Amino acid sequence: MIDSGARAASWFLWIAPGAFLIFYAIPLLLWPLTWARWFRWRTEGAEHLAIYLGRCTGALALVVIAACFRAAPSPRTYSIVLEMLAAAGLLLTGVHLYGALRRMQPWTEDAEIVLYAAVGGVALWLRIGL
């Protein structure tokens, strides 16, 4: 369902989390090392820690995605979800910038800087517009 009074926010809260669900949350939760290899991470050494942290990240992502889907039909009622996405986008942009500047991550993670900044910026813009 799309909120006729907040169409852009409704669509955003369906589409962005849907893509994140498919490309990040489910693979991280179920196959963290496979996901890591897709994104060009080296996966030898500390496999148990990598699996644990990947699955934790995937589980948290699923919770955020569920909140987005819950808010999508009525974004004005659940505007906190847009605030959450804006904050997450800002923080994830910072984390990825740090990794890029330190040259400690594959180029695929560097490319995500734009993704997280865009998602955070759009979420903030939509929240302000409600």
N, C-alpha and C. Protein backbone atom coordinates (compact mmCIF):
# COMPACT_ATOMS: atom_id res chain seq x y z
N MET A 1 0.83 -1.17 0.00
CA MET A 1 0.00 0.00 0.00
C MET A 1 0.89 1.25 0.00
N ILE A 2 0.49 2.24 -0.76
CA ILE A 2 1.21 3.50 -0.86
C ILE A 2 0.36 4.60 -0.25
N ASP A 3 0.95 5.39 0.62
CA ASP A 3 0.26 6.52 1.26
C ASP A 3 0.11 7.63 0.23
N SER A 4 -1.13 7.98 -0.11
CA SER A 4 -1.37 9.01 -1.13
C SER A 4 -0.87 10.39 -0.68
N GLY A 5 -0.73 10.62 0.62
CA GLY A 5 -0.24 11.90 1.11
C GLY A 5 1.27 11.96 1.23
N ALA A 6 1.93 10.83 1.08
CA ALA A 6 3.40 10.77 1.18
C ALA A 6 3.92 9.71 0.23
N ARG A 7 3.57 9.86 -1.04
CA ARG A 7 3.92 8.84 -2.04
C ARG A 7 5.43 8.56 -2.12
N ALA A 8 6.23 9.61 -2.19
CA ALA A 8 7.68 9.42 -2.34
C ALA A 8 8.24 8.63 -1.16
N ALA A 9 7.84 9.01 0.05
CA ALA A 9 8.33 8.30 1.23
C ALA A 9 7.86 6.85 1.23
N SER A 10 6.61 6.61 0.86
CA SER A 10 6.10 5.24 0.81
C SER A 10 6.89 4.40 -0.18
N TRP A 11 7.07 4.91 -1.39
CA TRP A 11 7.82 4.16 -2.40
C TRP A 11 9.24 3.89 -1.93
N PHE A 12 9.88 4.91 -1.36
CA PHE A 12 11.25 4.77 -0.87
C PHE A 12 11.32 3.67 0.19
N LEU A 13 10.35 3.64 1.10
CA LEU A 13 10.35 2.66 2.18
C LEU A 13 10.01 1.25 1.72
N TRP A 14 9.53 1.09 0.51
CA TRP A 14 9.36 -0.23 -0.09
C TRP A 14 10.58 -0.63 -0.91
N ILE A 15 11.07 0.28 -1.76
CA ILE A 15 12.10 -0.07 -2.74
C ILE A 15 13.49 -0.20 -2.14
N ALA A 16 13.95 0.81 -1.40
CA ALA A 16 15.32 0.77 -0.85
C ALA A 16 15.51 -0.44 0.07
N PRO A 17 14.61 -0.68 1.04
CA PRO A 17 14.80 -1.87 1.88
C PRO A 17 14.65 -3.18 1.12
N GLY A 18 13.79 -3.21 0.10
CA GLY A 18 13.65 -4.42 -0.70
C GLY A 18 14.95 -4.80 -1.37
N ALA A 19 15.62 -3.81 -1.95
CA ALA A 19 16.92 -4.07 -2.57
C ALA A 19 17.95 -4.48 -1.53
N PHE A 20 17.96 -3.80 -0.40
CA PHE A 20 18.90 -4.14 0.66
C PHE A 20 18.65 -5.55 1.19
N LEU A 21 17.40 -5.95 1.27
CA LEU A 21 17.04 -7.29 1.71
C LEU A 21 17.68 -8.34 0.80
N ILE A 22 17.56 -8.13 -0.49
CA ILE A 22 18.06 -9.11 -1.47
C ILE A 22 19.58 -9.14 -1.55
N PHE A 23 20.21 -7.97 -1.58
CA PHE A 23 21.65 -7.91 -1.85
C PHE A 23 22.53 -7.90 -0.60
N TYR A 24 21.96 -7.60 0.56
CA TYR A 24 22.78 -7.51 1.76
C TYR A 24 22.26 -8.38 2.91
N ALA A 25 21.05 -8.14 3.37
CA ALA A 25 20.58 -8.75 4.62
C ALA A 25 20.51 -10.28 4.54
N ILE A 26 19.81 -10.81 3.56
CA ILE A 26 19.67 -12.27 3.48
C ILE A 26 21.03 -12.94 3.23
N PRO A 27 21.82 -12.46 2.26
CA PRO A 27 23.13 -13.10 2.08
C PRO A 27 24.03 -13.00 3.32
N LEU A 28 24.02 -11.86 4.01
CA LEU A 28 24.84 -11.73 5.21
C LEU A 28 24.36 -12.69 6.30
N LEU A 29 23.07 -12.82 6.45
CA LEU A 29 22.54 -13.69 7.49
C LEU A 29 22.81 -15.16 7.19
N LEU A 30 22.63 -15.57 5.95
CA LEU A 30 22.72 -16.99 5.60
C LEU A 30 24.09 -17.43 5.11
N TRP A 31 24.77 -16.59 4.38
CA TRP A 31 26.05 -16.97 3.76
C TRP A 31 27.06 -15.83 3.89
N PRO A 32 27.48 -15.48 5.10
CA PRO A 32 28.33 -14.30 5.28
C PRO A 32 29.66 -14.36 4.54
N LEU A 33 30.31 -15.50 4.49
CA LEU A 33 31.59 -15.57 3.79
C LEU A 33 31.41 -15.53 2.28
N THR A 34 30.36 -16.13 1.79
CA THR A 34 30.06 -16.03 0.35
C THR A 34 29.79 -14.58 -0.01
N TRP A 35 28.99 -13.90 0.81
CA TRP A 35 28.73 -12.48 0.58
C TRP A 35 30.04 -11.70 0.58
N ALA A 36 30.91 -12.00 1.53
CA ALA A 36 32.18 -11.30 1.62
C ALA A 36 33.02 -11.50 0.35
N ARG A 37 33.03 -12.70 -0.17
CA ARG A 37 33.79 -12.97 -1.41
C ARG A 37 33.16 -12.23 -2.59
N TRP A 38 31.83 -12.15 -2.65
CA TRP A 38 31.18 -11.39 -3.73
C TRP A 38 31.65 -9.94 -3.73
N PHE A 39 31.88 -9.40 -2.53
CA PHE A 39 32.29 -8.01 -2.40
C PHE A 39 33.80 -7.86 -2.30
N ARG A 40 34.51 -8.89 -2.71
CA ARG A 40 35.96 -8.88 -2.87
C ARG A 40 36.77 -8.86 -1.58
N TRP A 41 36.15 -9.29 -0.47
CA TRP A 41 36.90 -9.40 0.78
C TRP A 41 37.70 -10.69 0.75
N ARG A 42 38.89 -10.67 1.33
CA ARG A 42 39.64 -11.92 1.55
C ARG A 42 39.02 -12.57 2.77
N THR A 43 38.81 -13.87 2.73
CA THR A 43 38.07 -14.53 3.80
C THR A 43 38.90 -15.56 4.58
N GLU A 44 40.19 -15.62 4.33
CA GLU A 44 40.98 -16.59 5.09
C GLU A 44 41.34 -16.01 6.46
N GLY A 45 41.34 -16.87 7.47
CA GLY A 45 41.66 -16.45 8.83
C GLY A 45 40.44 -15.85 9.53
N ALA A 46 40.25 -16.17 10.77
CA ALA A 46 39.17 -15.66 11.62
C ALA A 46 37.78 -15.90 11.01
N GLU A 47 37.60 -17.05 10.37
CA GLU A 47 36.32 -17.35 9.73
C GLU A 47 35.16 -17.34 10.70
N HIS A 48 35.36 -17.87 11.89
CA HIS A 48 34.25 -17.94 12.85
C HIS A 48 33.79 -16.54 13.25
N LEU A 49 34.74 -15.64 13.47
CA LEU A 49 34.39 -14.26 13.81
C LEU A 49 33.69 -13.59 12.64
N ALA A 50 34.20 -13.80 11.44
CA ALA A 50 33.57 -13.19 10.26
C ALA A 50 32.14 -13.70 10.07
N ILE A 51 31.93 -14.98 10.26
CA ILE A 51 30.59 -15.55 10.13
C ILE A 51 29.67 -14.96 11.20
N TYR A 52 30.14 -14.90 12.42
CA TYR A 52 29.35 -14.36 13.52
C TYR A 52 28.97 -12.90 13.25
N LEU A 53 29.95 -12.07 12.92
CA LEU A 53 29.67 -10.65 12.68
C LEU A 53 28.80 -10.44 11.45
N GLY A 54 29.02 -11.23 10.42
CA GLY A 54 28.18 -11.13 9.22
C GLY A 54 26.73 -11.48 9.52
N ARG A 55 26.53 -12.55 10.27
CA ARG A 55 25.15 -12.94 10.60
C ARG A 55 24.49 -11.94 11.54
N CYS A 56 25.24 -11.39 12.47
CA CYS A 56 24.68 -10.34 13.35
C CYS A 56 24.26 -9.13 12.51
N THR A 57 25.09 -8.72 11.58
CA THR A 57 24.77 -7.58 10.71
C THR A 57 23.55 -7.89 9.87
N GLY A 58 23.48 -9.11 9.33
CA GLY A 58 22.32 -9.50 8.53
C GLY A 58 21.05 -9.50 9.35
N ALA A 59 21.12 -9.99 10.58
CA ALA A 59 19.94 -10.01 11.45
C ALA A 59 19.47 -8.60 11.77
N LEU A 60 20.39 -7.70 12.09
CA LEU A 60 20.01 -6.31 12.36
C LEU A 60 19.44 -5.65 11.12
N ALA A 61 20.01 -5.94 9.97
CA ALA A 61 19.48 -5.38 8.72
C ALA A 61 18.05 -5.85 8.49
N LEU A 62 17.75 -7.10 8.79
CA LEU A 62 16.38 -7.60 8.62
C LEU A 62 15.40 -6.86 9.51
N VAL A 63 15.81 -6.52 10.72
CA VAL A 63 14.94 -5.76 11.62
C VAL A 63 14.65 -4.37 11.05
N VAL A 64 15.69 -3.70 10.56
CA VAL A 64 15.51 -2.37 9.97
C VAL A 64 14.61 -2.45 8.73
N ILE A 65 14.82 -3.47 7.92
CA ILE A 65 14.00 -3.66 6.72
C ILE A 65 12.54 -3.91 7.10
N ALA A 66 12.31 -4.72 8.11
CA ALA A 66 10.94 -4.97 8.57
C ALA A 66 10.28 -3.67 9.05
N ALA A 67 11.04 -2.84 9.75
CA ALA A 67 10.51 -1.55 10.20
C ALA A 67 10.16 -0.66 9.01
N CYS A 68 10.99 -0.68 7.97
CA CYS A 68 10.71 0.10 6.76
C CYS A 68 9.42 -0.38 6.09
N PHE A 69 9.28 -1.69 5.95
CA PHE A 69 8.07 -2.24 5.33
C PHE A 69 6.84 -1.92 6.17
N ARG A 70 6.99 -1.93 7.48
CA ARG A 70 5.87 -1.58 8.37
C ARG A 70 5.49 -0.11 8.21
N ALA A 71 6.49 0.75 8.00
CA ALA A 71 6.25 2.19 7.88
C ALA A 71 5.79 2.61 6.49
N ALA A 72 6.08 1.82 5.48
CA ALA A 72 5.82 2.22 4.09
C ALA A 72 4.37 2.63 3.82
N PRO A 73 3.36 1.92 4.34
CA PRO A 73 1.99 2.34 4.06
C PRO A 73 1.59 3.65 4.73
N SER A 74 2.33 4.07 5.75
CA SER A 74 1.97 5.29 6.48
C SER A 74 3.23 5.96 7.04
N PRO A 75 4.06 6.52 6.17
CA PRO A 75 5.34 7.08 6.62
C PRO A 75 5.23 8.22 7.62
N ARG A 76 4.15 8.98 7.55
CA ARG A 76 4.00 10.08 8.52
C ARG A 76 3.78 9.54 9.92
N THR A 77 3.11 8.42 10.04
CA THR A 77 2.87 7.81 11.35
C THR A 77 4.16 7.24 11.92
N TYR A 78 5.01 6.73 11.07
CA TYR A 78 6.25 6.08 11.49
C TYR A 78 7.47 6.85 10.98
N SER A 79 7.45 8.15 11.11
CA SER A 79 8.53 8.98 10.57
C SER A 79 9.88 8.67 11.22
N ILE A 80 9.87 8.07 12.40
CA ILE A 80 11.11 7.68 13.06
C ILE A 80 11.94 6.74 12.19
N VAL A 81 11.27 5.96 11.35
CA VAL A 81 11.99 5.02 10.49
C VAL A 81 12.84 5.79 9.47
N LEU A 82 12.32 6.88 8.94
CA LEU A 82 13.12 7.70 8.03
C LEU A 82 14.30 8.33 8.77
N GLU A 83 14.08 8.73 10.01
CA GLU A 83 15.17 9.28 10.82
C GLU A 83 16.24 8.21 11.07
N MET A 84 15.79 7.00 11.34
CA MET A 84 16.70 5.88 11.54
C MET A 84 17.54 5.62 10.28
N LEU A 85 16.88 5.63 9.12
CA LEU A 85 17.61 5.40 7.87
C LEU A 85 18.59 6.53 7.59
N ALA A 86 18.20 7.76 7.88
CA ALA A 86 19.11 8.89 7.68
C ALA A 86 20.34 8.73 8.58
N ALA A 87 20.12 8.38 9.84
CA ALA A 87 21.24 8.19 10.77
C ALA A 87 22.12 7.01 10.34
N ALA A 88 21.49 5.91 9.95
CA ALA A 88 22.26 4.75 9.50
C ALA A 88 23.07 5.09 8.26
N GLY A 89 22.45 5.82 7.32
CA GLY A 89 23.17 6.22 6.11
C GLY A 89 24.37 7.08 6.43
N LEU A 90 24.21 8.03 7.36
CA LEU A 90 25.32 8.89 7.76
C LEU A 90 26.43 8.08 8.41
N LEU A 91 26.07 7.22 9.36
CA LEU A 91 27.08 6.43 10.06
C LEU A 91 27.78 5.43 9.14
N LEU A 92 27.02 4.78 8.27
CA LEU A 92 27.64 3.83 7.33
C LEU A 92 28.51 4.54 6.30
N THR A 93 28.13 5.74 5.92
CA THR A 93 29.00 6.54 5.04
C THR A 93 30.32 6.81 5.75
N GLY A 94 30.25 7.20 7.01
CA GLY A 94 31.47 7.45 7.78
C GLY A 94 32.35 6.22 7.93
N VAL A 95 31.74 5.09 8.24
CA VAL A 95 32.49 3.84 8.39
C VAL A 95 33.19 3.48 7.08
N HIS A 96 32.48 3.62 5.97
CA HIS A 96 33.06 3.27 4.68
C HIS A 96 34.11 4.28 4.24
N LEU A 97 33.91 5.56 4.55
CA LEU A 97 34.94 6.56 4.25
C LEU A 97 36.22 6.26 5.02
N TYR A 98 36.08 5.93 6.29
CA TYR A 98 37.23 5.58 7.11
C TYR A 98 38.00 4.41 6.50
N GLY A 99 37.27 3.37 6.12
CA GLY A 99 37.91 2.21 5.50
C GLY A 99 38.58 2.55 4.17
N ALA A 100 37.96 3.44 3.40
CA ALA A 100 38.54 3.84 2.12
C ALA A 100 39.82 4.66 2.33
N LEU A 101 39.77 5.59 3.26
CA LEU A 101 40.94 6.43 3.52
C LEU A 101 42.10 5.63 4.08
N ARG A 102 41.80 4.62 4.86
CA ARG A 102 42.85 3.75 5.42
C ARG A 102 43.26 2.64 4.45
N ARG A 103 42.57 2.55 3.31
CA ARG A 103 42.83 1.52 2.30
C ARG A 103 42.78 0.11 2.90
N MET A 104 41.74 -0.12 3.71
CA MET A 104 41.62 -1.40 4.39
C MET A 104 40.42 -2.22 3.92
N GLN A 105 39.84 -1.84 2.79
CA GLN A 105 38.66 -2.55 2.30
C GLN A 105 38.75 -2.64 0.78
N PRO A 106 38.05 -3.60 0.19
CA PRO A 106 38.06 -3.72 -1.27
C PRO A 106 37.30 -2.55 -1.92
N TRP A 107 37.53 -2.36 -3.20
CA TRP A 107 36.92 -1.23 -3.92
C TRP A 107 35.40 -1.28 -3.88
N THR A 108 34.84 -2.47 -3.76
CA THR A 108 33.38 -2.57 -3.72
C THR A 108 32.81 -1.85 -2.51
N GLU A 109 33.54 -1.88 -1.39
CA GLU A 109 33.11 -1.16 -0.20
C GLU A 109 33.26 0.35 -0.39
N ASP A 110 34.31 0.76 -1.09
CA ASP A 110 34.48 2.19 -1.41
C ASP A 110 33.29 2.68 -2.24
N ALA A 111 32.85 1.85 -3.17
CA ALA A 111 31.71 2.23 -4.03
C ALA A 111 30.43 2.41 -3.22
N GLU A 112 30.32 1.71 -2.10
CA GLU A 112 29.12 1.82 -1.28
C GLU A 112 29.00 3.17 -0.56
N ILE A 113 30.07 3.94 -0.53
CA ILE A 113 30.02 5.26 0.11
C ILE A 113 28.90 6.08 -0.52
N VAL A 114 28.84 6.09 -1.84
CA VAL A 114 27.81 6.84 -2.55
C VAL A 114 26.43 6.28 -2.24
N LEU A 115 26.31 4.97 -2.19
CA LEU A 115 25.03 4.32 -1.89
C LEU A 115 24.50 4.74 -0.52
N TYR A 116 25.34 4.62 0.51
CA TYR A 116 24.89 4.95 1.86
C TYR A 116 24.62 6.44 2.02
N ALA A 117 25.45 7.28 1.39
CA ALA A 117 25.20 8.72 1.46
C ALA A 117 23.88 9.07 0.77
N ALA A 118 23.60 8.42 -0.36
CA ALA A 118 22.35 8.68 -1.09
C ALA A 118 21.14 8.23 -0.29
N VAL A 119 21.19 7.02 0.25
CA VAL A 119 20.06 6.51 1.03
C VAL A 119 19.82 7.40 2.25
N GLY A 120 20.89 7.76 2.95
CA GLY A 120 20.75 8.63 4.11
C GLY A 120 20.22 10.00 3.74
N GLY A 121 20.74 10.56 2.65
CA GLY A 121 20.29 11.87 2.20
C GLY A 121 18.84 11.88 1.76
N VAL A 122 18.44 10.87 1.00
CA VAL A 122 17.05 10.78 0.55
C VAL A 122 16.12 10.58 1.76
N ALA A 123 16.52 9.74 2.69
CA ALA A 123 15.69 9.51 3.89
C ALA A 123 15.52 10.82 4.67
N LEU A 124 16.59 11.57 4.82
CA LEU A 124 16.52 12.85 5.53
C LEU A 124 15.62 13.83 4.78
N TRP A 125 15.79 13.92 3.48
CA TRP A 125 14.99 14.82 2.65
C TRP A 125 13.50 14.46 2.75
N LEU A 126 13.20 13.17 2.67
CA LEU A 126 11.81 12.73 2.77
C LEU A 126 11.24 13.01 4.17
N ARG A 127 12.06 12.79 5.20
CA ARG A 127 11.59 13.06 6.57
C ARG A 127 11.28 14.54 6.76
N ILE A 128 12.13 15.40 6.27
CA ILE A 128 11.92 16.84 6.39
C ILE A 128 10.65 17.25 5.65
N GLY A 129 10.37 16.57 4.53
CA GLY A 129 9.20 16.89 3.72
C GLY A 129 7.88 16.38 4.24
N LEU A 130 7.89 15.54 5.27
CA LEU A 130 6.63 15.00 5.79
C LEU A 130 5.85 16.05 6.56
